[in-house]
C-alpha atoms as a PDB file:
ATOM      1  CA  UNK A   1      34.307 -64.848 232.597  1.00  0.00           C
ATOM      2  CA  UNK A   2      32.382 -62.759 235.108  1.00  0.00           C
ATOM      3  CA  UNK A   3      28.632 -62.970 235.518  1.00  0.00           C
ATOM      4  CA  UNK A   4      28.289 -59.362 234.337  1.00  0.00           C
ATOM      5  CA  UNK A   5      30.281 -60.113 231.179  1.00  0.00           C
ATOM      6  CA  UNK A   6      28.152 -63.222 230.470  1.00  0.00           C
ATOM      7  CA  UNK A   7      24.970 -61.183 230.949  1.00  0.00           C
ATOM      8  CA  UNK A   8      26.304 -58.481 228.632  1.00  0.00           C
ATOM      9  CA  UNK A   9      26.981 -61.110 225.926  1.00  0.00           C
ATOM     10  CA  UNK A  10      23.456 -62.478 226.330  1.00  0.00           C
ATOM     11  CA  UNK A  11      21.962 -59.001 225.895  1.00  0.00           C
ATOM     12  CA  UNK A  12      23.980 -58.537 222.690  1.00  0.00           C
ATOM     13  CA  UNK A  13      22.814 -61.958 221.473  1.00  0.00           C
ATOM     14  CA  UNK A  14      19.213 -60.853 222.014  1.00  0.00           C
ATOM     15  CA  UNK A  15      19.673 -57.722 219.925  1.00  0.00           C
ATOM     16  CA  UNK A  16      16.992 -57.687 217.227  1.00  0.00           C
ATOM     17  CA  UNK A  17      19.443 -56.433 214.605  1.00  0.00           C
ATOM     18  CA  UNK A  18      21.570 -59.567 215.045  1.00  0.00           C
ATOM     19  CA  UNK A  19      18.717 -62.059 214.550  1.00  0.00           C
ATOM     20  CA  UNK A  20      18.606 -64.028 211.303  1.00  0.00           C
ATOM     21  CA  UNK A  21      14.988 -64.961 212.042  1.00  0.00           C
ATOM     22  CA  UNK A  22      13.971 -61.295 212.065  1.00  0.00           C
ATOM     23  CA  UNK A  23      15.736 -60.617 208.757  1.00  0.00           C
ATOM     24  CA  UNK A  24      13.984 -63.626 207.183  1.00  0.00           C
ATOM     25  CA  UNK A  25      10.642 -62.560 208.664  1.00  0.00           C
ATOM     26  CA  UNK A  26      11.049 -58.988 207.416  1.00  0.00           C
ATOM     27  CA  UNK A  27      12.129 -60.105 203.942  1.00  0.00           C
ATOM     28  CA  UNK A  28       9.223 -62.551 203.773  1.00  0.00           C
ATOM     29  CA  UNK A  29       6.726 -59.823 204.675  1.00  0.00           C
ATOM     30  CA  UNK A  30       8.240 -57.451 202.115  1.00  0.00           C
ATOM     31  CA  UNK A  31       8.123 -60.207 199.481  1.00  0.00           C
ATOM     32  CA  UNK A  32       4.448 -60.858 200.221  1.00  0.00           C
ATOM     33  CA  UNK A  33       3.642 -57.142 199.914  1.00  0.00           C
ATOM     34  CA  UNK A  34       5.514 -56.965 196.593  1.00  0.00           C
ATOM     35  CA  UNK A  35       3.596 -59.977 195.238  1.00  0.00           C
ATOM     36  CA  UNK A  36       0.179 -58.705 196.323  1.00  0.00           C
ATOM     37  CA  UNK A  37      -0.576 -56.243 193.463  1.00  0.00           C
ATOM     38  CA  UNK A  38       0.657 -58.740 190.866  1.00  0.00           C
ATOM     39  CA  UNK A  39      -1.455 -61.553 192.301  1.00  0.00           C
ATOM     40  CA  UNK A  40      -4.491 -59.311 192.837  1.00  0.00           C
ATOM     41  CA  UNK A  41      -4.665 -59.053 189.023  1.00  0.00           C
ATOM     42  CA  UNK A  42      -4.932 -62.869 188.942  1.00  0.00           C
ATOM     43  CA  UNK A  43      -7.378 -62.926 191.886  1.00  0.00           C
ATOM     44  CA  UNK A  44      -4.973 -65.178 193.830  1.00  0.00           C
ATOM     45  CA  UNK A  45      -3.408 -65.065 197.255  1.00  0.00           C
ATOM     46  CA  UNK A  46       0.261 -65.994 197.529  1.00  0.00           C
ATOM     47  CA  UNK A  47      -0.554 -69.488 198.873  1.00  0.00           C
ATOM     48  CA  UNK A  48      -3.054 -70.021 196.054  1.00  0.00           C
ATOM     49  CA  UNK A  49      -0.371 -68.903 193.600  1.00  0.00           C
ATOM     50  CA  UNK A  50       2.185 -71.438 194.846  1.00  0.00           C
ATOM     51  CA  UNK A  51      -0.420 -74.214 194.657  1.00  0.00           C
ATOM     52  CA  UNK A  52      -1.273 -73.155 191.106  1.00  0.00           C
ATOM     53  CA  UNK A  53       2.445 -73.172 190.184  1.00  0.00           C
ATOM     54  CA  UNK A  54       2.677 -76.822 191.274  1.00  0.00           C
ATOM     55  CA  UNK A  55      -0.432 -77.660 189.250  1.00  0.00           C
ATOM     56  CA  UNK A  56       0.862 -75.802 186.175  1.00  0.00           C
ATOM     57  CA  UNK A  57       3.966 -77.950 186.476  1.00  0.00           C
ATOM     58  CA  UNK A  58       2.213 -81.293 187.118  1.00  0.00           C
ATOM     59  CA  UNK A  59      -1.469 -80.781 186.107  1.00  0.00           C
ATOM     60  CA  UNK A  60      -2.793 -83.416 188.527  1.00  0.00           C
ATOM     61  CA  UNK A  61      -1.545 -84.300 192.022  1.00  0.00           C
ATOM     62  CA  UNK A  62      -2.835 -85.867 195.208  1.00  0.00           C
ATOM     63  CA  UNK A  63      -3.601 -83.540 198.088  1.00  0.00           C
ATOM     64  CA  UNK A  64      -0.942 -85.336 200.137  1.00  0.00           C
ATOM     65  CA  UNK A  65       1.839 -84.825 197.602  1.00  0.00           C
ATOM     66  CA  UNK A  66       0.702 -81.249 196.964  1.00  0.00           C
ATOM     67  CA  UNK A  67       0.919 -80.518 200.698  1.00  0.00           C
ATOM     68  CA  UNK A  68       4.410 -82.021 200.844  1.00  0.00           C
ATOM     69  CA  UNK A  69       5.518 -79.964 197.851  1.00  0.00           C
ATOM     70  CA  UNK A  70       4.258 -76.616 199.180  1.00  0.00           C
ATOM     71  CA  UNK A  71       4.951 -77.390 202.871  1.00  0.00           C
ATOM     72  CA  UNK A  72       1.340 -76.988 203.982  1.00  0.00           C
ATOM     73  CA  UNK A  73      -0.692 -79.277 206.220  1.00  0.00           C
ATOM     74  CA  UNK A  74      -4.127 -80.503 205.190  1.00  0.00           C
ATOM     75  CA  UNK A  75      -5.833 -78.120 207.626  1.00  0.00           C
ATOM     76  CA  UNK A  76      -4.443 -75.187 205.655  1.00  0.00           C
ATOM     77  CA  UNK A  77      -4.509 -76.799 202.223  1.00  0.00           C
ATOM     78  CA  UNK A  78      -8.093 -78.127 202.171  1.00  0.00           C
ATOM     79  CA  UNK A  79      -9.866 -74.746 202.587  1.00  0.00           C
ATOM     80  CA  UNK A  80      -7.425 -73.180 200.122  1.00  0.00           C
ATOM     81  CA  UNK A  81      -8.261 -75.855 197.530  1.00  0.00           C
ATOM     82  CA  UNK A  82     -11.979 -75.394 198.144  1.00  0.00           C
ATOM     83  CA  UNK A  83     -11.590 -71.662 197.411  1.00  0.00           C
ATOM     84  CA  UNK A  84      -9.647 -72.414 194.215  1.00  0.00           C
ATOM     85  CA  UNK A  85     -12.403 -74.843 193.207  1.00  0.00           C
ATOM     86  CA  UNK A  86     -15.073 -72.206 193.925  1.00  0.00           C
ATOM     87  CA  UNK A  87     -13.160 -69.822 191.625  1.00  0.00           C
ATOM     88  CA  UNK A  88     -13.307 -72.482 188.911  1.00  0.00           C
ATOM     89  CA  UNK A  89      -9.523 -72.957 188.739  1.00  0.00           C
ATOM     90  CA  UNK A  90      -9.184 -76.541 189.998  1.00  0.00           C
ATOM     91  CA  UNK A  91     -11.153 -79.741 190.128  1.00  0.00           C
ATOM     92  CA  UNK A  92     -11.115 -81.841 193.290  1.00  0.00           C
ATOM     93  CA  UNK A  93     -11.924 -85.493 192.683  1.00  0.00           C
ATOM     94  CA  UNK A  94     -11.380 -88.946 194.121  1.00  0.00           C
ATOM     95  CA  UNK A  95      -8.563 -91.047 192.710  1.00  0.00           C
ATOM     96  CA  UNK A  96      -9.641 -93.706 190.243  1.00  0.00           C
ATOM     97  CA  UNK A  97      -7.226 -96.130 191.935  1.00  0.00           C
ATOM     98  CA  UNK A  98      -8.036 -95.376 195.592  1.00  0.00           C
ATOM     99  CA  UNK A  99     -11.209 -93.530 196.559  1.00  0.00           C
ATOM    100  CA  UNK A 100      -9.611 -92.426 199.864  1.00  0.00           C
ATOM    101  CA  UNK A 101      -7.173 -90.248 197.909  1.00  0.00           C
ATOM    102  CA  UNK A 102      -8.173 -86.765 196.747  1.00  0.00           C
ATOM    103  CA  UNK A 103      -6.669 -85.651 193.444  1.00  0.00           C
ATOM    104  CA  UNK A 104      -6.422 -82.023 192.395  1.00  0.00           C
ATOM    105  CA  UNK A 105      -6.244 -81.080 188.721  1.00  0.00           C
ATOM    106  CA  UNK A 106      -6.517 -77.898 186.713  1.00  0.00           C
ATOM    107  CA  UNK A 107      -9.774 -76.809 185.125  1.00  0.00           C
ATOM    108  CA  UNK A 108      -9.715 -75.151 181.696  1.00  0.00           C
ATOM    109  CA  UNK A 109      -9.867 -71.797 183.466  1.00  0.00           C
ATOM    110  CA  UNK A 110      -6.902 -72.827 185.662  1.00  0.00           C
ATOM    111  CA  UNK A 111      -4.896 -73.808 182.587  1.00  0.00           C
ATOM    112  CA  UNK A 112      -5.639 -70.490 180.889  1.00  0.00           C
ATOM    113  CA  UNK A 113      -4.635 -68.510 184.008  1.00  0.00           C
ATOM    114  CA  UNK A 114      -1.072 -69.779 183.558  1.00  0.00           C
ATOM    115  CA  UNK A 115      -0.544 -67.505 180.566  1.00  0.00           C
ATOM    116  CA  UNK A 116      -1.505 -64.441 182.644  1.00  0.00           C
ATOM    117  CA  UNK A 117       0.752 -65.572 185.504  1.00  0.00           C
ATOM    118  CA  UNK A 118       3.847 -65.918 183.328  1.00  0.00           C
ATOM    119  CA  UNK A 119       4.716 -62.239 183.821  1.00  0.00           C
ATOM    120  CA  UNK A 120       4.823 -62.483 187.624  1.00  0.00           C
ATOM    121  CA  UNK A 121       8.367 -63.925 188.094  1.00  0.00           C
ATOM    122  CA  UNK A 122       9.944 -61.312 185.804  1.00  0.00           C
ATOM    123  CA  UNK A 123       8.061 -58.504 187.538  1.00  0.00           C
ATOM    124  CA  UNK A 124       9.369 -59.746 190.889  1.00  0.00           C
ATOM    125  CA  UNK A 125      12.931 -59.892 189.542  1.00  0.00           C
ATOM    126  CA  UNK A 126      12.611 -56.271 188.464  1.00  0.00           C
ATOM    127  CA  UNK A 127      11.322 -55.253 191.897  1.00  0.00           C
ATOM    128  CA  UNK A 128      14.138 -57.094 193.698  1.00  0.00           C
ATOM    129  CA  UNK A 129      16.677 -55.200 191.580  1.00  0.00           C
ATOM    130  CA  UNK A 130      19.541 -57.505 192.604  1.00  0.00           C
ATOM    131  CA  UNK A 131      21.933 -59.548 190.463  1.00  0.00           C
ATOM    132  CA  UNK A 132      20.439 -62.907 189.488  1.00  0.00           C
ATOM    133  CA  UNK A 133      23.452 -64.762 190.940  1.00  0.00           C
ATOM    134  CA  UNK A 134      22.856 -63.079 194.317  1.00  0.00           C
ATOM    135  CA  UNK A 135      19.177 -64.027 194.280  1.00  0.00           C
ATOM    136  CA  UNK A 136      20.018 -67.625 193.341  1.00  0.00           C
ATOM    137  CA  UNK A 137      22.562 -67.837 196.182  1.00  0.00           C
ATOM    138  CA  UNK A 138      19.982 -66.415 198.593  1.00  0.00           C
ATOM    139  CA  UNK A 139      17.430 -69.019 197.480  1.00  0.00           C
ATOM    140  CA  UNK A 140      19.962 -71.841 197.852  1.00  0.00           C
ATOM    141  CA  UNK A 141      20.859 -70.620 201.343  1.00  0.00           C
ATOM    142  CA  UNK A 142      17.197 -70.479 202.351  1.00  0.00           C
ATOM    143  CA  UNK A 143      16.631 -73.983 200.928  1.00  0.00           C
ATOM    144  CA  UNK A 144      19.609 -75.334 202.931  1.00  0.00           C
ATOM    145  CA  UNK A 145      18.390 -73.611 206.098  1.00  0.00           C
ATOM    146  CA  UNK A 146      14.890 -75.031 205.618  1.00  0.00           C
ATOM    147  CA  UNK A 147      16.299 -78.553 205.153  1.00  0.00           C
ATOM    148  CA  UNK A 148      18.428 -78.247 208.299  1.00  0.00           C
ATOM    149  CA  UNK A 149      15.551 -76.942 210.393  1.00  0.00           C
ATOM    150  CA  UNK A 150      13.156 -79.662 209.168  1.00  0.00           C
ATOM    151  CA  UNK A 151      15.412 -82.520 210.296  1.00  0.00           C
END
């Protein structure tokens, strides 16, 4: 293969339209914009919403396991949890078993917010306007890609 042909292939490989990362980035930004008006009604950011979803599922978790579940480091998670506590949605406390461990649980207000949030997933499905099977396959593909990249 000539040098010119190799260079031509490299230029094609650097074409923005051929980049999976750009498609994922663009879709992620569009998803965030679609969520914003729904979450504004709950007075939550998207990251606060995903933390609340974990708490609605488990009620009480350590900061470490919460961070692992939502793929956030403590530098990002701690200020986010402080804001949720200031809003009265969560309670941050020390573990009864190990005072070095911070445990996050829902306040009464956080529990009651779940009922308001139950309409969000259906509203997002309507906005996506794609067959459920296609959306499930897309999610599974993203989950597999994430697992491969995190190795």
